[in-house]
Amino acid sequence: MSASIHACAIVVGERGVLIRGPSGAGKSLLSLAMIAQARLTGAFAALVADDRVFLDVASGRLLARGAPGFEGLIESRGVGLLAMPHEPRAVLRMVVDLGARGDTPPRWPADDARHIEIQGVVLPRFALDLAPGLQEGAYAALRGLDRVA
């Protein structure tokens, strides 16, 4: 069964990342920063979806895809829509949750907060604070992705 959520999705190498958070939390900015930083290291990275992500389960894996007609488009506040290379879908391997601006995640997350179940699929979950800076957040998220199989 397909579900639609307010989020962003990117792919780094063969691993998809779902980035969730309230409006204005920095989902699109983090997506762009993660893609740029991954590419600097020579890794493949691309946008899958911005703002609206459709989720499906196939063979026990959670798949992300973008909204039809908006493939390859991402919003940059103050700039508008940007067109960029994209992939039509990705197998999600990790979830990054951003809080509202000013919300700080726990310094050490509880064991039950390290994973999340979405449509029956359990994925590693990282609560990320962008207060230290966007580049630091992108680096932290990519390091977390490196630890995911």
C-alpha atoms as a PDB file:
ATOM      1  CA  MET A   1       0.000   0.000   0.000  1.00  0.00           C
ATOM      2  CA  SER A   2       1.443   3.359  -1.037  1.00  0.00           C
ATOM      3  CA  ALA A   3       1.653   6.262   1.409  1.00  0.00           C
ATOM      4  CA  SER A   4       2.524   9.893   0.827  1.00  0.00           C
ATOM      5  CA  ILE A   5       4.427  11.905   3.453  1.00  0.00           C
ATOM      6  CA  HIS A   6       5.905  15.383   3.807  1.00  0.00           C
ATOM      7  CA  ALA A   7       9.648  14.676   3.599  1.00  0.00           C
ATOM      8  CA  CYS A   8      12.674  14.573   1.297  1.00  0.00           C
ATOM      9  CA  ALA A   9      14.505  11.547  -0.046  1.00  0.00           C
ATOM     10  CA  ILE A  10      17.988  11.255  -1.511  1.00  0.00           C
ATOM     11  CA  VAL A  11      20.220   8.390  -2.552  1.00  0.00           C
ATOM     12  CA  VAL A  12      23.925   8.106  -1.768  1.00  0.00           C
ATOM     13  CA  GLY A  13      25.585   5.220  -3.547  1.00  0.00           C
ATOM     14  CA  GLU A  14      22.840   2.609  -3.379  1.00  0.00           C
ATOM     15  CA  ARG A  15      21.428   3.704  -0.013  1.00  0.00           C
ATOM     16  CA  GLY A  16      18.350   5.874   0.236  1.00  0.00           C
ATOM     17  CA  VAL A  17      17.830   8.385   3.035  1.00  0.00           C
ATOM     18  CA  LEU A  18      14.438   9.687   4.140  1.00  0.00           C
ATOM     19  CA  ILE A  19      14.669  13.151   5.729  1.00  0.00           C
ATOM     20  CA  ARG A  20      11.658  14.141   7.832  1.00  0.00           C
ATOM     21  CA  GLY A  21      10.768  17.168   9.886  1.00  0.00           C
ATOM     22  CA  PRO A  22       8.330  20.038  10.208  1.00  0.00           C
ATOM     23  CA  SER A  23       8.050  22.781   7.624  1.00  0.00           C
ATOM     24  CA  GLY A  24      11.083  25.066   7.757  1.00  0.00           C
ATOM     25  CA  ALA A  25      13.262  22.546   9.633  1.00  0.00           C
ATOM     26  CA  GLY A  26      15.798  22.352   6.785  1.00  0.00           C
ATOM     27  CA  LYS A  27      14.911  19.114   4.982  1.00  0.00           C
ATOM     28  CA  SER A  28      15.639  20.464   1.504  1.00  0.00           C
ATOM     29  CA  LEU A  29      18.787  22.287   2.611  1.00  0.00           C
ATOM     30  CA  LEU A  30      20.106  19.163   4.309  1.00  0.00           C
ATOM     31  CA  SER A  31      19.306  17.124   1.187  1.00  0.00           C
ATOM     32  CA  LEU A  32      21.276  19.532  -0.999  1.00  0.00           C
ATOM     33  CA  ALA A  33      24.182  19.652   1.468  1.00  0.00           C
ATOM     34  CA  MET A  34      24.357  15.859   1.775  1.00  0.00           C
ATOM     35  CA  ILE A  35      24.309  15.418  -2.013  1.00  0.00           C
ATOM     36  CA  ALA A  36      27.045  18.051  -2.462  1.00  0.00           C
ATOM     37  CA  GLN A  37      29.231  16.630   0.304  1.00  0.00           C
ATOM     38  CA  ALA A  38      28.870  13.047  -0.954  1.00  0.00           C
ATOM     39  CA  ARG A  39      29.793  14.120  -4.478  1.00  0.00           C
ATOM     40  CA  LEU A  40      32.897  15.899  -3.157  1.00  0.00           C
ATOM     41  CA  THR A  41      34.142  12.515  -1.957  1.00  0.00           C
ATOM     42  CA  GLY A  42      33.473  10.968  -5.367  1.00  0.00           C
ATOM     43  CA  ALA A  43      30.323   9.133  -4.286  1.00  0.00           C
ATOM     44  CA  PHE A  44      27.213   8.984  -6.409  1.00  0.00           C
ATOM     45  CA  ALA A  45      24.413  11.051  -4.873  1.00  0.00           C
ATOM     46  CA  ALA A  46      21.119  12.299  -6.260  1.00  0.00           C
ATOM     47  CA  LEU A  47      17.734  13.661  -5.311  1.00  0.00           C
ATOM     48  CA  VAL A  48      14.809  11.251  -5.222  1.00  0.00           C
ATOM     49  CA  ALA A  49      12.035  13.511  -3.916  1.00  0.00           C
ATOM     50  CA  ASP A  50      11.507  16.903  -2.305  1.00  0.00           C
ATOM     51  CA  ASP A  51       8.556  17.898  -0.157  1.00  0.00           C
ATOM     52  CA  ARG A  52       6.316  14.946  -1.051  1.00  0.00           C
ATOM     53  CA  VAL A  53       7.634  11.379  -0.855  1.00  0.00           C
ATOM     54  CA  PHE A  54       5.620   8.334  -1.841  1.00  0.00           C
ATOM     55  CA  LEU A  55       6.492   5.174   0.077  1.00  0.00           C
ATOM     56  CA  ASP A  56       5.908   1.591  -1.012  1.00  0.00           C
ATOM     57  CA  VAL A  57       7.012  -1.743   0.412  1.00  0.00           C
ATOM     58  CA  ALA A  58       8.416  -4.396  -1.912  1.00  0.00           C
ATOM     59  CA  SER A  59      10.124  -7.605  -0.804  1.00  0.00           C
ATOM     60  CA  GLY A  60      10.425  -6.278   2.743  1.00  0.00           C
ATOM     61  CA  ARG A  61      12.163  -3.068   1.643  1.00  0.00           C
ATOM     62  CA  LEU A  62      10.854   0.466   1.888  1.00  0.00           C
ATOM     63  CA  LEU A  63      10.982   2.295  -1.443  1.00  0.00           C
ATOM     64  CA  ALA A  64      10.791   6.077  -1.910  1.00  0.00           C
ATOM     65  CA  ARG A  65       9.747   7.937  -5.037  1.00  0.00           C
ATOM     66  CA  GLY A  66       8.828  11.503  -5.877  1.00  0.00           C
ATOM     67  CA  ALA A  67       5.583  13.099  -6.898  1.00  0.00           C
ATOM     68  CA  PRO A  68       4.779  12.654 -10.586  1.00  0.00           C
ATOM     69  CA  GLY A  69       5.580  15.803 -12.542  1.00  0.00           C
ATOM     70  CA  PHE A  70       8.039  17.096  -9.935  1.00  0.00           C
ATOM     71  CA  GLU A  71      10.920  14.698 -10.567  1.00  0.00           C
ATOM     72  CA  GLY A  72      14.305  16.381 -10.169  1.00  0.00           C
ATOM     73  CA  LEU A  73      12.917  19.560  -8.600  1.00  0.00           C
ATOM     74  CA  ILE A  74      13.872  20.804  -5.149  1.00  0.00           C
ATOM     75  CA  GLU A  75      12.891  24.030  -3.413  1.00  0.00           C
ATOM     76  CA  SER A  76      15.589  26.349  -2.143  1.00  0.00           C
ATOM     77  CA  ARG A  77      14.077  29.028   0.104  1.00  0.00           C
ATOM     78  CA  GLY A  78      14.627  32.465  -1.317  1.00  0.00           C
ATOM     79  CA  VAL A  79      15.724  31.027  -4.672  1.00  0.00           C
ATOM     80  CA  GLY A  80      12.801  28.934  -5.835  1.00  0.00           C
ATOM     81  CA  LEU A  81      12.724  25.577  -7.585  1.00  0.00           C
ATOM     82  CA  LEU A  82      16.028  24.108  -8.713  1.00  0.00           C
ATOM     83  CA  ALA A  83      16.349  21.339 -11.279  1.00  0.00           C
ATOM     84  CA  MET A  84      18.956  18.713 -10.511  1.00  0.00           C
ATOM     85  CA  PRO A  85      19.930  15.153 -11.392  1.00  0.00           C
ATOM     86  CA  HIS A  86      17.601  12.668  -9.774  1.00  0.00           C
ATOM     87  CA  GLU A  87      16.761   9.014  -9.447  1.00  0.00           C
ATOM     88  CA  PRO A  88      13.185   7.813  -9.868  1.00  0.00           C
ATOM     89  CA  ARG A  89      13.269   5.749  -6.655  1.00  0.00           C
ATOM     90  CA  ALA A  90      15.526   4.459  -3.911  1.00  0.00           C
ATOM     91  CA  VAL A  91      15.568   1.692  -1.334  1.00  0.00           C
ATOM     92  CA  LEU A  92      15.552   3.494   2.013  1.00  0.00           C
ATOM     93  CA  ARG A  93      18.272   2.458   4.454  1.00  0.00           C
ATOM     94  CA  MET A  94      18.044   5.261   7.023  1.00  0.00           C
ATOM     95  CA  VAL A  95      15.708   7.937   8.383  1.00  0.00           C
ATOM     96  CA  VAL A  96      16.956  11.363   9.505  1.00  0.00           C
ATOM     97  CA  ASP A  97      14.543  13.279  11.714  1.00  0.00           C
ATOM     98  CA  LEU A  98      14.945  17.026  12.073  1.00  0.00           C
ATOM     99  CA  GLY A  99      13.196  18.845  14.885  1.00  0.00           C
ATOM    100  CA  ALA A 100      11.664  22.279  14.705  1.00  0.00           C
ATOM    101  CA  ARG A 101      14.180  25.101  14.854  1.00  0.00           C
ATOM    102  CA  GLY A 102      15.359  25.444  18.432  1.00  0.00           C
ATOM    103  CA  ASP A 103      14.446  21.863  19.381  1.00  0.00           C
ATOM    104  CA  THR A 104      17.499  19.929  20.468  1.00  0.00           C
ATOM    105  CA  PRO A 105      17.462  16.136  20.281  1.00  0.00           C
ATOM    106  CA  PRO A 106      18.703  14.181  23.297  1.00  0.00           C
ATOM    107  CA  ARG A 107      22.462  14.048  23.612  1.00  0.00           C
ATOM    108  CA  TRP A 108      22.339  10.263  23.759  1.00  0.00           C
ATOM    109  CA  PRO A 109      19.201   8.727  22.229  1.00  0.00           C
ATOM    110  CA  ALA A 110      17.357   5.951  23.998  1.00  0.00           C
ATOM    111  CA  ASP A 111      17.700   2.511  22.432  1.00  0.00           C
ATOM    112  CA  ASP A 112      14.090   2.559  21.242  1.00  0.00           C
ATOM    113  CA  ALA A 113      14.691   5.887  19.436  1.00  0.00           C
ATOM    114  CA  ARG A 114      17.506   4.501  17.275  1.00  0.00           C
ATOM    115  CA  HIS A 115      15.119   2.705  14.915  1.00  0.00           C
ATOM    116  CA  ILE A 116      11.740   3.482  13.436  1.00  0.00           C
ATOM    117  CA  GLU A 117       9.105   1.309  11.850  1.00  0.00           C
ATOM    118  CA  ILE A 118       7.495   2.683   8.708  1.00  0.00           C
ATOM    119  CA  GLN A 119       4.889   0.561   6.911  1.00  0.00           C
ATOM    120  CA  GLY A 120       6.198  -2.535   8.683  1.00  0.00           C
ATOM    121  CA  VAL A 121       9.863  -1.951   7.740  1.00  0.00           C
ATOM    122  CA  VAL A 122      12.331  -1.145  10.534  1.00  0.00           C
ATOM    123  CA  LEU A 123      15.083   1.344   9.648  1.00  0.00           C
ATOM    124  CA  PRO A 124      17.910   3.025  11.566  1.00  0.00           C
ATOM    125  CA  ARG A 125      16.832   6.486  12.736  1.00  0.00           C
ATOM    126  CA  PHE A 126      19.014   9.506  13.472  1.00  0.00           C
ATOM    127  CA  ALA A 127      17.661  12.604  15.216  1.00  0.00           C
ATOM    128  CA  LEU A 128      19.745  15.463  13.887  1.00  0.00           C
ATOM    129  CA  ASP A 129      20.274  18.969  15.208  1.00  0.00           C
ATOM    130  CA  LEU A 130      21.196  21.513  12.523  1.00  0.00           C
ATOM    131  CA  ALA A 131      22.050  24.220  15.080  1.00  0.00           C
ATOM    132  CA  PRO A 132      25.826  23.539  14.777  1.00  0.00           C
ATOM    133  CA  GLY A 133      25.540  24.220  11.043  1.00  0.00           C
ATOM    134  CA  LEU A 134      24.302  22.715   7.815  1.00  0.00           C
ATOM    135  CA  GLN A 135      27.669  21.269   6.750  1.00  0.00           C
ATOM    136  CA  GLU A 136      28.149  19.668  10.155  1.00  0.00           C
ATOM    137  CA  GLY A 137      24.662  18.175   9.905  1.00  0.00           C
ATOM    138  CA  ALA A 138      25.331  16.813   6.416  1.00  0.00           C
ATOM    139  CA  TYR A 139      28.617  15.323   7.572  1.00  0.00           C
ATOM    140  CA  ALA A 140      26.974  13.721  10.622  1.00  0.00           C
ATOM    141  CA  ALA A 141      24.157  12.247   8.524  1.00  0.00           C
ATOM    142  CA  LEU A 142      26.595  10.837   5.962  1.00  0.00           C
ATOM    143  CA  ARG A 143      28.718   9.323   8.734  1.00  0.00           C
ATOM    144  CA  GLY A 144      25.573   7.717  10.119  1.00  0.00           C
ATOM    145  CA  LEU A 145      24.778   6.355   6.672  1.00  0.00           C
ATOM    146  CA  ASP A 146      28.283   4.877   6.471  1.00  0.00           C
ATOM    147  CA  ARG A 147      27.435   2.768   9.538  1.00  0.00           C
ATOM    148  CA  VAL A 148      24.279   1.385   7.905  1.00  0.00           C
ATOM    149  CA  ALA A 149      24.573  -1.855   5.933  1.00  0.00           C
END
